[in-house]
């Protein structure tokens, strides 16, 4: 099912999070379909903070679930220092529900990851291979989506597993979809993932002047002057998250989007947007 901008706004998502995203949504829809047909894929949704990566990953999860996929989701962050922290987020609930089938045979070495054996000190080949077979066992019941947000903040053991898995995905009905922040340092394994033949890249773009003007009109209930819209776009860089914060602040000020208030945009932006901007280098 294709999600329209009107549907997204009525559902209360961040303003602009799906505007001008037809290209990206079409690419993700196609990848879900390819994986369902047995063409395994890895998709990296790449971009800076606030560009809408998580929202696009959410759309892929919804489409995959509607298409009969088992959808497993994990996120980098607090468990970064815990070996296989992401892996546990992805698989633990499934393993608890059906351990005998999922951890049988060649998947048995993965038992230690889930507290069913001696805890691994490092991501050895046997454990990685066991986790691969756990994935195969999960995909045997139908297509599988492994959705990972903030891959750049995930623990190294889990990232190594994803690298191991992707090189062996061909022929499986599996889609691995990951969000990666472009401004974060990229390690060797992430670089290998991006270079894999199964990998596809989706890079949401900054919003255009036209999109910014449309969103201004919705938020402020008036057709914006071109100079006012341009100032908003320049101040936020067309970043949907920053634009959302700015438009909310402008709405709270009941500001009219005309030439007379162009200078005021910077003043409001200093309070609403600047705290979210990354620090300048040096």
C-alpha atoms as a PDB file:
ATOM      1  CA  UNK A   1       0.000   0.000   0.000  1.00  0.00           C
ATOM      2  CA  UNK A   2       1.430   3.370  -1.015  1.00  0.00           C
ATOM      3  CA  UNK A   3       1.360   5.949   1.795  1.00  0.00           C
ATOM      4  CA  UNK A   4       0.528   9.441   0.565  1.00  0.00           C
ATOM      5  CA  UNK A   5       1.686  12.733   2.050  1.00  0.00           C
ATOM      6  CA  UNK A   6      -1.904  13.581   2.970  1.00  0.00           C
ATOM      7  CA  UNK A   7      -2.281  10.304   4.860  1.00  0.00           C
ATOM      8  CA  UNK A   8       0.997  10.879   6.706  1.00  0.00           C
ATOM      9  CA  UNK A   9       0.049  14.376   7.824  1.00  0.00           C
ATOM     10  CA  UNK A  10      -3.391  13.259   8.957  1.00  0.00           C
ATOM     11  CA  UNK A  11      -1.675  10.563  11.031  1.00  0.00           C
ATOM     12  CA  UNK A  12       0.350  13.201  12.843  1.00  0.00           C
ATOM     13  CA  UNK A  13       3.875  12.414  11.645  1.00  0.00           C
ATOM     14  CA  UNK A  14       6.581  15.070  11.550  1.00  0.00           C
ATOM     15  CA  UNK A  15       5.657  17.766   9.062  1.00  0.00           C
ATOM     16  CA  UNK A  16       7.396  17.230   5.743  1.00  0.00           C
ATOM     17  CA  UNK A  17       8.723  13.784   6.669  1.00  0.00           C
ATOM     18  CA  UNK A  18       7.342  12.231   3.454  1.00  0.00           C
ATOM     19  CA  UNK A  19       7.105  15.272   1.208  1.00  0.00           C
ATOM     20  CA  UNK A  20       9.309  14.964  -1.905  1.00  0.00           C
ATOM     21  CA  UNK A  21      10.068  11.353  -1.033  1.00  0.00           C
ATOM     22  CA  UNK A  22       8.440   9.619  -4.019  1.00  0.00           C
ATOM     23  CA  UNK A  23      11.804   8.473  -5.397  1.00  0.00           C
ATOM     24  CA  UNK A  24      12.913   7.030  -2.073  1.00  0.00           C
ATOM     25  CA  UNK A  25       9.557   5.388  -1.342  1.00  0.00           C
ATOM     26  CA  UNK A  26       9.468   3.820  -4.797  1.00  0.00           C
ATOM     27  CA  UNK A  27      12.962   2.383  -4.296  1.00  0.00           C
ATOM     28  CA  UNK A  28      12.046   0.863  -0.931  1.00  0.00           C
ATOM     29  CA  UNK A  29       8.796  -0.563  -2.291  1.00  0.00           C
ATOM     30  CA  UNK A  30      10.721  -2.231  -5.116  1.00  0.00           C
ATOM     31  CA  UNK A  31      13.273  -3.710  -2.710  1.00  0.00           C
ATOM     32  CA  UNK A  32      10.540  -5.177  -0.509  1.00  0.00           C
ATOM     33  CA  UNK A  33       9.033  -6.766  -3.608  1.00  0.00           C
ATOM     34  CA  UNK A  34      12.370  -8.151  -4.773  1.00  0.00           C
ATOM     35  CA  UNK A  35      13.077  -9.714  -1.389  1.00  0.00           C
ATOM     36  CA  UNK A  36       9.603 -11.267  -1.316  1.00  0.00           C
ATOM     37  CA  UNK A  37      10.390 -12.851  -4.700  1.00  0.00           C
ATOM     38  CA  UNK A  38      13.643 -14.375  -3.419  1.00  0.00           C
ATOM     39  CA  UNK A  39      16.112 -11.663  -4.440  1.00  0.00           C
ATOM     40  CA  UNK A  40      17.841 -10.861  -1.164  1.00  0.00           C
ATOM     41  CA  UNK A  41      18.828  -7.242  -0.708  1.00  0.00           C
ATOM     42  CA  UNK A  42      20.622  -4.882   1.643  1.00  0.00           C
ATOM     43  CA  UNK A  43      19.457  -1.261   1.601  1.00  0.00           C
ATOM     44  CA  UNK A  44      21.315   1.526   3.363  1.00  0.00           C
ATOM     45  CA  UNK A  45      19.206   4.619   4.023  1.00  0.00           C
ATOM     46  CA  UNK A  46      21.890   7.272   4.326  1.00  0.00           C
ATOM     47  CA  UNK A  47      21.873  10.920   5.307  1.00  0.00           C
ATOM     48  CA  UNK A  48      22.385  13.481   8.080  1.00  0.00           C
ATOM     49  CA  UNK A  49      20.346  13.729  11.251  1.00  0.00           C
ATOM     50  CA  UNK A  50      16.751  14.815  10.654  1.00  0.00           C
ATOM     51  CA  UNK A  51      16.613  14.079   6.921  1.00  0.00           C
ATOM     52  CA  UNK A  52      13.910  11.418   7.442  1.00  0.00           C
ATOM     53  CA  UNK A  53      15.800   8.107   7.489  1.00  0.00           C
ATOM     54  CA  UNK A  54      13.849   6.620  10.393  1.00  0.00           C
ATOM     55  CA  UNK A  55      10.527   7.554   8.803  1.00  0.00           C
ATOM     56  CA  UNK A  56      11.510   5.846   5.548  1.00  0.00           C
ATOM     57  CA  UNK A  57      12.593   2.746   7.471  1.00  0.00           C
ATOM     58  CA  UNK A  58       9.209   2.785   9.189  1.00  0.00           C
ATOM     59  CA  UNK A  59       7.476   2.826   5.806  1.00  0.00           C
ATOM     60  CA  UNK A  60       9.528  -0.181   4.684  1.00  0.00           C
ATOM     61  CA  UNK A  61       8.553  -2.020   7.860  1.00  0.00           C
ATOM     62  CA  UNK A  62       4.855  -1.313   7.294  1.00  0.00           C
ATOM     63  CA  UNK A  63       4.951  -2.422   3.652  1.00  0.00           C
ATOM     64  CA  UNK A  64       6.890  -5.573   4.459  1.00  0.00           C
ATOM     65  CA  UNK A  65       4.486  -6.534   7.262  1.00  0.00           C
ATOM     66  CA  UNK A  66       1.539  -5.976   4.923  1.00  0.00           C
ATOM     67  CA  UNK A  67       3.276  -8.183   2.348  1.00  0.00           C
ATOM     68  CA  UNK A  68       3.591 -11.103   4.765  1.00  0.00           C
ATOM     69  CA  UNK A  69       7.147 -10.529   6.004  1.00  0.00           C
ATOM     70  CA  UNK A  70       8.300 -11.363   9.494  1.00  0.00           C
ATOM     71  CA  UNK A  71       9.641  -7.954  10.567  1.00  0.00           C
ATOM     72  CA  UNK A  72      12.408  -7.781  13.176  1.00  0.00           C
ATOM     73  CA  UNK A  73      13.619  -4.384  14.346  1.00  0.00           C
ATOM     74  CA  UNK A  74      16.607  -3.104  16.316  1.00  0.00           C
ATOM     75  CA  UNK A  75      18.313   0.195  17.006  1.00  0.00           C
ATOM     76  CA  UNK A  76      21.851   1.252  17.845  1.00  0.00           C
ATOM     77  CA  UNK A  77      22.546   3.328  20.926  1.00  0.00           C
ATOM     78  CA  UNK A  78      22.524   2.325  24.580  1.00  0.00           C
ATOM     79  CA  UNK A  79      23.715  -1.237  23.934  1.00  0.00           C
ATOM     80  CA  UNK A  80      26.721  -0.148  21.880  1.00  0.00           C
ATOM     81  CA  UNK A  81      29.184  -1.546  24.421  1.00  0.00           C
ATOM     82  CA  UNK A  82      27.306  -4.865  24.755  1.00  0.00           C
ATOM     83  CA  UNK A  83      28.499  -7.599  22.404  1.00  0.00           C
ATOM     84  CA  UNK A  84      25.673  -8.672  20.104  1.00  0.00           C
ATOM     85  CA  UNK A  85      23.343  -6.102  21.650  1.00  0.00           C
ATOM     86  CA  UNK A  86      21.683  -5.393  18.304  1.00  0.00           C
ATOM     87  CA  UNK A  87      21.483  -9.094  17.466  1.00  0.00           C
ATOM     88  CA  UNK A  88      19.573  -9.677  20.688  1.00  0.00           C
ATOM     89  CA  UNK A  89      17.170  -6.862  19.880  1.00  0.00           C
ATOM     90  CA  UNK A  90      16.498  -8.392  16.480  1.00  0.00           C
ATOM     91  CA  UNK A  91      16.198 -12.077  17.345  1.00  0.00           C
ATOM     92  CA  UNK A  92      15.634 -12.612  21.060  1.00  0.00           C
ATOM     93  CA  UNK A  93      11.822 -12.534  21.080  1.00  0.00           C
ATOM     94  CA  UNK A  94      11.689 -15.059  18.219  1.00  0.00           C
ATOM     95  CA  UNK A  95      14.265 -17.305  19.886  1.00  0.00           C
ATOM     96  CA  UNK A  96      12.396 -17.277  23.197  1.00  0.00           C
ATOM     97  CA  UNK A  97       9.179 -18.242  21.387  1.00  0.00           C
ATOM     98  CA  UNK A  98      10.695 -21.160  19.442  1.00  0.00           C
ATOM     99  CA  UNK A  99      14.233 -22.005  20.629  1.00  0.00           C
ATOM    100  CA  UNK A 100      14.285 -25.685  19.683  1.00  0.00           C
ATOM    101  CA  UNK A 101      13.532 -25.067  16.004  1.00  0.00           C
ATOM    102  CA  UNK A 102      15.423 -21.816  15.487  1.00  0.00           C
ATOM    103  CA  UNK A 103      18.612 -22.864  17.289  1.00  0.00           C
ATOM    104  CA  UNK A 104      18.727 -26.410  15.971  1.00  0.00           C
ATOM    105  CA  UNK A 105      21.509 -27.987  13.906  1.00  0.00           C
ATOM    106  CA  UNK A 106      24.069 -25.544  12.486  1.00  0.00           C
ATOM    107  CA  UNK A 107      22.364 -22.659  14.327  1.00  0.00           C
ATOM    108  CA  UNK A 108      23.284 -24.213  17.713  1.00  0.00           C
ATOM    109  CA  UNK A 109      26.507 -22.169  18.213  1.00  0.00           C
ATOM    110  CA  UNK A 110      24.338 -19.040  18.396  1.00  0.00           C
ATOM    111  CA  UNK A 111      22.758 -20.292  21.640  1.00  0.00           C
ATOM    112  CA  UNK A 112      25.439 -18.558  23.692  1.00  0.00           C
ATOM    113  CA  UNK A 113      24.372 -15.145  22.345  1.00  0.00           C
ATOM    114  CA  UNK A 114      20.952 -15.596  23.938  1.00  0.00           C
ATOM    115  CA  UNK A 115      22.132 -16.891  27.305  1.00  0.00           C
ATOM    116  CA  UNK A 116      21.595 -20.538  26.418  1.00  0.00           C
ATOM    117  CA  UNK A 117      25.265 -21.429  26.682  1.00  0.00           C
ATOM    118  CA  UNK A 118      28.582 -19.915  27.637  1.00  0.00           C
ATOM    119  CA  UNK A 119      28.645 -16.203  26.770  1.00  0.00           C
ATOM    120  CA  UNK A 120      30.944 -15.480  23.808  1.00  0.00           C
ATOM    121  CA  UNK A 121      33.999 -13.357  24.445  1.00  0.00           C
ATOM    122  CA  UNK A 122      34.211 -12.331  20.808  1.00  0.00           C
ATOM    123  CA  UNK A 123      32.234 -12.808  17.592  1.00  0.00           C
ATOM    124  CA  UNK A 124      33.914 -16.062  16.564  1.00  0.00           C
ATOM    125  CA  UNK A 125      33.277 -17.722  13.221  1.00  0.00           C
ATOM    126  CA  UNK A 126      31.149 -20.441  14.859  1.00  0.00           C
ATOM    127  CA  UNK A 127      28.848 -17.888  16.503  1.00  0.00           C
ATOM    128  CA  UNK A 128      28.541 -15.813  13.320  1.00  0.00           C
ATOM    129  CA  UNK A 129      27.750 -18.945  11.312  1.00  0.00           C
ATOM    130  CA  UNK A 130      25.196 -20.002  13.911  1.00  0.00           C
ATOM    131  CA  UNK A 131      23.506 -16.603  13.680  1.00  0.00           C
ATOM    132  CA  UNK A 132      23.462 -16.954   9.898  1.00  0.00           C
ATOM    133  CA  UNK A 133      21.622 -20.267  10.220  1.00  0.00           C
ATOM    134  CA  UNK A 134      19.256 -18.710  12.735  1.00  0.00           C
ATOM    135  CA  UNK A 135      18.414 -16.179  10.015  1.00  0.00           C
ATOM    136  CA  UNK A 136      17.947 -18.984   7.481  1.00  0.00           C
ATOM    137  CA  UNK A 137      15.594 -20.791   9.861  1.00  0.00           C
ATOM    138  CA  UNK A 138      13.544 -17.639  10.378  1.00  0.00           C
ATOM    139  CA  UNK A 139      13.320 -17.026   6.633  1.00  0.00           C
ATOM    140  CA  UNK A 140      12.184 -20.606   6.023  1.00  0.00           C
ATOM    141  CA  UNK A 141       8.716 -19.665   7.233  1.00  0.00           C
ATOM    142  CA  UNK A 142       8.357 -16.706   4.874  1.00  0.00           C
ATOM    143  CA  UNK A 143      10.145 -13.516   3.801  1.00  0.00           C
ATOM    144  CA  UNK A 144      12.123 -11.730   6.501  1.00  0.00           C
ATOM    145  CA  UNK A 145      12.962  -8.072   7.072  1.00  0.00           C
ATOM    146  CA  UNK A 146      15.784  -7.117   9.438  1.00  0.00           C
ATOM    147  CA  UNK A 147      15.316  -3.389  10.061  1.00  0.00           C
ATOM    148  CA  UNK A 148      18.157  -1.570  11.830  1.00  0.00           C
ATOM    149  CA  UNK A 149      18.004   2.080  12.845  1.00  0.00           C
ATOM    150  CA  UNK A 150      21.191   4.003  13.684  1.00  0.00           C
ATOM    151  CA  UNK A 151      23.512   1.279  12.401  1.00  0.00           C
ATOM    152  CA  UNK A 152      26.461   3.628  12.997  1.00  0.00           C
ATOM    153  CA  UNK A 153      25.800   3.358  16.767  1.00  0.00           C
ATOM    154  CA  UNK A 154      25.504  -0.441  16.905  1.00  0.00           C
ATOM    155  CA  UNK A 155      27.966  -2.707  18.675  1.00  0.00           C
ATOM    156  CA  UNK A 156      30.852  -3.984  16.577  1.00  0.00           C
ATOM    157  CA  UNK A 157      29.983  -7.675  17.040  1.00  0.00           C
ATOM    158  CA  UNK A 158      26.506  -7.153  15.585  1.00  0.00           C
ATOM    159  CA  UNK A 159      27.841  -5.083  12.684  1.00  0.00           C
ATOM    160  CA  UNK A 160      30.339  -7.844  11.982  1.00  0.00           C
ATOM    161  CA  UNK A 161      27.483 -10.337  11.926  1.00  0.00           C
ATOM    162  CA  UNK A 162      25.571  -8.208   9.407  1.00  0.00           C
ATOM    163  CA  UNK A 163      28.653  -8.135   7.202  1.00  0.00           C
ATOM    164  CA  UNK A 164      28.939 -11.916   7.482  1.00  0.00           C
ATOM    165  CA  UNK A 165      25.223 -12.368   6.775  1.00  0.00           C
ATOM    166  CA  UNK A 166      24.992 -10.094   3.743  1.00  0.00           C
ATOM    167  CA  UNK A 167      27.754 -12.004   1.937  1.00  0.00           C
ATOM    168  CA  UNK A 168      25.623 -15.166   2.261  1.00  0.00           C
ATOM    169  CA  UNK A 169      22.127 -13.825   1.598  1.00  0.00           C
ATOM    170  CA  UNK A 170      21.802 -14.684  -2.082  1.00  0.00           C
ATOM    171  CA  UNK A 171      18.772 -16.890  -2.734  1.00  0.00           C
ATOM    172  CA  UNK A 172      17.057 -16.077   0.571  1.00  0.00           C
ATOM    173  CA  UNK A 173      13.866 -14.080   0.927  1.00  0.00           C
ATOM    174  CA  UNK A 174      15.562 -11.570   3.204  1.00  0.00           C
ATOM    175  CA  UNK A 175      15.788  -7.786   3.141  1.00  0.00           C
ATOM    176  CA  UNK A 176      18.238  -6.064   5.487  1.00  0.00           C
ATOM    177  CA  UNK A 177      17.365  -2.361   5.779  1.00  0.00           C
ATOM    178  CA  UNK A 178      19.636  -0.052   7.776  1.00  0.00           C
ATOM    179  CA  UNK A 179      19.722   3.654   8.566  1.00  0.00           C
ATOM    180  CA  UNK A 180      23.182   5.213   8.620  1.00  0.00           C
ATOM    181  CA  UNK A 181      23.990   8.805   9.577  1.00  0.00           C
ATOM    182  CA  UNK A 182      26.270  10.231   6.917  1.00  0.00           C
ATOM    183  CA  UNK A 183      28.141  12.501   9.330  1.00  0.00           C
ATOM    184  CA  UNK A 184      29.303   9.658  11.588  1.00  0.00           C
ATOM    185  CA  UNK A 185      32.702   7.978  11.046  1.00  0.00           C
ATOM    186  CA  UNK A 186      32.403   4.883   8.859  1.00  0.00           C
ATOM    187  CA  UNK A 187      34.361   1.802   9.887  1.00  0.00           C
ATOM    188  CA  UNK A 188      35.702  -0.851   7.531  1.00  0.00           C
ATOM    189  CA  UNK A 189      32.771  -3.254   7.950  1.00  0.00           C
ATOM    190  CA  UNK A 190      30.197  -0.564   7.175  1.00  0.00           C
ATOM    191  CA  UNK A 191      32.207   0.350   4.098  1.00  0.00           C
ATOM    192  CA  UNK A 192      32.192  -3.318   3.044  1.00  0.00           C
ATOM    193  CA  UNK A 193      28.425  -3.460   3.497  1.00  0.00           C
ATOM    194  CA  UNK A 194      27.964  -0.460   1.225  1.00  0.00           C
ATOM    195  CA  UNK A 195      30.195  -2.035  -1.433  1.00  0.00           C
ATOM    196  CA  UNK A 196      28.434  -5.416  -1.448  1.00  0.00           C
ATOM    197  CA  UNK A 197      26.757  -6.371  -4.762  1.00  0.00           C
ATOM    198  CA  UNK A 198      23.432  -6.871  -2.959  1.00  0.00           C
ATOM    199  CA  UNK A 199      23.568  -3.363  -1.450  1.00  0.00           C
ATOM    200  CA  UNK A 200      21.370  -0.514  -2.610  1.00  0.00           C
ATOM    201  CA  UNK A 201      21.579   3.051  -1.338  1.00  0.00           C
ATOM    202  CA  UNK A 202      18.665   5.372  -0.620  1.00  0.00           C
ATOM    203  CA  UNK A 203      19.703   8.954   0.112  1.00  0.00           C
ATOM    204  CA  UNK A 204      16.799  11.259   0.976  1.00  0.00           C
ATOM    205  CA  UNK A 205      17.449  14.784  -0.264  1.00  0.00           C
ATOM    206  CA  UNK A 206      16.936  18.150   1.355  1.00  0.00           C
ATOM    207  CA  UNK A 207      13.530  19.712   0.682  1.00  0.00           C
ATOM    208  CA  UNK A 208      13.269  22.246  -2.133  1.00  0.00           C
ATOM    209  CA  UNK A 209      12.027  25.829  -1.990  1.00  0.00           C
ATOM    210  CA  UNK A 210       8.732  24.608  -3.433  1.00  0.00           C
ATOM    211  CA  UNK A 211       8.277  22.021  -0.678  1.00  0.00           C
ATOM    212  CA  UNK A 212       9.225  24.511   2.026  1.00  0.00           C
ATOM    213  CA  UNK A 213       6.689  27.000   0.665  1.00  0.00           C
ATOM    214  CA  UNK A 214       3.986  24.312   0.658  1.00  0.00           C
ATOM    215  CA  UNK A 215       4.701  23.397   4.265  1.00  0.00           C
ATOM    216  CA  UNK A 216       4.757  27.048   5.313  1.00  0.00           C
ATOM    217  CA  UNK A 217       1.339  27.524   3.776  1.00  0.00           C
ATOM    218  CA  UNK A 218      -0.040  24.559   5.698  1.00  0.00           C
ATOM    219  CA  UNK A 219       1.467  25.573   9.019  1.00  0.00           C
ATOM    220  CA  UNK A 220       0.828  29.321   8.849  1.00  0.00           C
ATOM    221  CA  UNK A 221      -2.421  29.188   6.839  1.00  0.00           C
ATOM    222  CA  UNK A 222      -1.229  31.742   4.314  1.00  0.00           C
ATOM    223  CA  UNK A 223       0.600  31.694   0.978  1.00  0.00           C
ATOM    224  CA  UNK A 224       4.209  32.586   1.867  1.00  0.00           C
ATOM    225  CA  UNK A 225       6.220  35.247   0.115  1.00  0.00           C
ATOM    226  CA  UNK A 226       9.048  33.754  -1.945  1.00  0.00           C
ATOM    227  CA  UNK A 227      11.729  35.571   0.068  1.00  0.00           C
ATOM    228  CA  UNK A 228      10.233  34.318   3.347  1.00  0.00           C
ATOM    229  CA  UNK A 229      10.179  30.707   2.119  1.00  0.00           C
ATOM    230  CA  UNK A 230      13.730  30.967   0.813  1.00  0.00           C
ATOM    231  CA  UNK A 231      14.942  32.286   4.170  1.00  0.00           C
ATOM    232  CA  UNK A 232      13.331  29.312   5.934  1.00  0.00           C
ATOM    233  CA  UNK A 233      14.901  26.876   3.497  1.00  0.00           C
ATOM    234  CA  UNK A 234      18.353  28.462   3.804  1.00  0.00           C
ATOM    235  CA  UNK A 235      18.211  28.570   7.595  1.00  0.00           C
ATOM    236  CA  UNK A 236      17.266  24.868   7.865  1.00  0.00           C
ATOM    237  CA  UNK A 237      19.097  23.596   4.800  1.00  0.00           C
ATOM    238  CA  UNK A 238      15.836  21.961   3.752  1.00  0.00           C
ATOM    239  CA  UNK A 239      16.245  19.440   6.584  1.00  0.00           C
ATOM    240  CA  UNK A 240      12.765  18.167   7.554  1.00  0.00           C
ATOM    241  CA  UNK A 241      13.540  17.954  11.287  1.00  0.00           C
ATOM    242  CA  UNK A 242      14.954  21.475  11.470  1.00  0.00           C
ATOM    243  CA  UNK A 243      12.158  22.799   9.276  1.00  0.00           C
ATOM    244  CA  UNK A 244       9.578  21.150  11.511  1.00  0.00           C
ATOM    245  CA  UNK A 245      11.018  22.894  14.567  1.00  0.00           C
ATOM    246  CA  UNK A 246      11.164  26.236  12.778  1.00  0.00           C
ATOM    247  CA  UNK A 247       7.591  26.031  11.451  1.00  0.00           C
ATOM    248  CA  UNK A 248       6.230  25.129  14.862  1.00  0.00           C
ATOM    249  CA  UNK A 249       8.024  28.120  16.366  1.00  0.00           C
ATOM    250  CA  UNK A 250       6.763  30.443  13.629  1.00  0.00           C
ATOM    251  CA  UNK A 251       3.238  29.154  14.225  1.00  0.00           C
ATOM    252  CA  UNK A 252       3.519  29.831  17.942  1.00  0.00           C
ATOM    253  CA  UNK A 253       4.562  33.411  17.088  1.00  0.00           C
ATOM    254  CA  UNK A 254       1.545  33.722  14.744  1.00  0.00           C
ATOM    255  CA  UNK A 255       3.976  35.146  12.211  1.00  0.00           C
ATOM    256  CA  UNK A 256       2.775  36.117   8.757  1.00  0.00           C
ATOM    257  CA  UNK A 257       5.018  34.688   6.011  1.00  0.00           C
ATOM    258  CA  UNK A 258       5.548  37.985   4.189  1.00  0.00           C
ATOM    259  CA  UNK A 259       8.497  40.203   3.236  1.00  0.00           C
ATOM    260  CA  UNK A 260       8.112  42.318   6.363  1.00  0.00           C
ATOM    261  CA  UNK A 261       8.927  39.303   8.558  1.00  0.00           C
ATOM    262  CA  UNK A 262      11.871  37.826   6.647  1.00  0.00           C
ATOM    263  CA  UNK A 263      14.406  39.171   9.151  1.00  0.00           C
ATOM    264  CA  UNK A 264      12.365  37.785  12.034  1.00  0.00           C
ATOM    265  CA  UNK A 265      12.845  34.245  10.716  1.00  0.00           C
ATOM    266  CA  UNK A 266      16.491  34.300  11.787  1.00  0.00           C
ATOM    267  CA  UNK A 267      15.556  35.471  15.275  1.00  0.00           C
ATOM    268  CA  UNK A 268      13.023  32.687  15.721  1.00  0.00           C
ATOM    269  CA  UNK A 269      15.422  30.196  14.166  1.00  0.00           C
ATOM    270  CA  UNK A 270      18.127  31.100  16.662  1.00  0.00           C
ATOM    271  CA  UNK A 271      15.886  29.746  19.406  1.00  0.00           C
ATOM    272  CA  UNK A 272      14.211  26.870  17.568  1.00  0.00           C
ATOM    273  CA  UNK A 273      16.830  25.570  15.127  1.00  0.00           C
ATOM    274  CA  UNK A 274      20.339  26.557  16.198  1.00  0.00           C
ATOM    275  CA  UNK A 275      20.393  24.285  19.299  1.00  0.00           C
ATOM    276  CA  UNK A 276      19.830  21.300  16.976  1.00  0.00           C
ATOM    277  CA  UNK A 277      22.640  22.161  14.566  1.00  0.00           C
ATOM    278  CA  UNK A 278      25.936  20.250  14.846  1.00  0.00           C
ATOM    279  CA  UNK A 279      28.874  22.202  16.289  1.00  0.00           C
ATOM    280  CA  UNK A 280      31.227  23.890  13.873  1.00  0.00           C
ATOM    281  CA  UNK A 281      34.549  22.056  13.313  1.00  0.00           C
ATOM    282  CA  UNK A 282      37.569  23.268  15.209  1.00  0.00           C
END
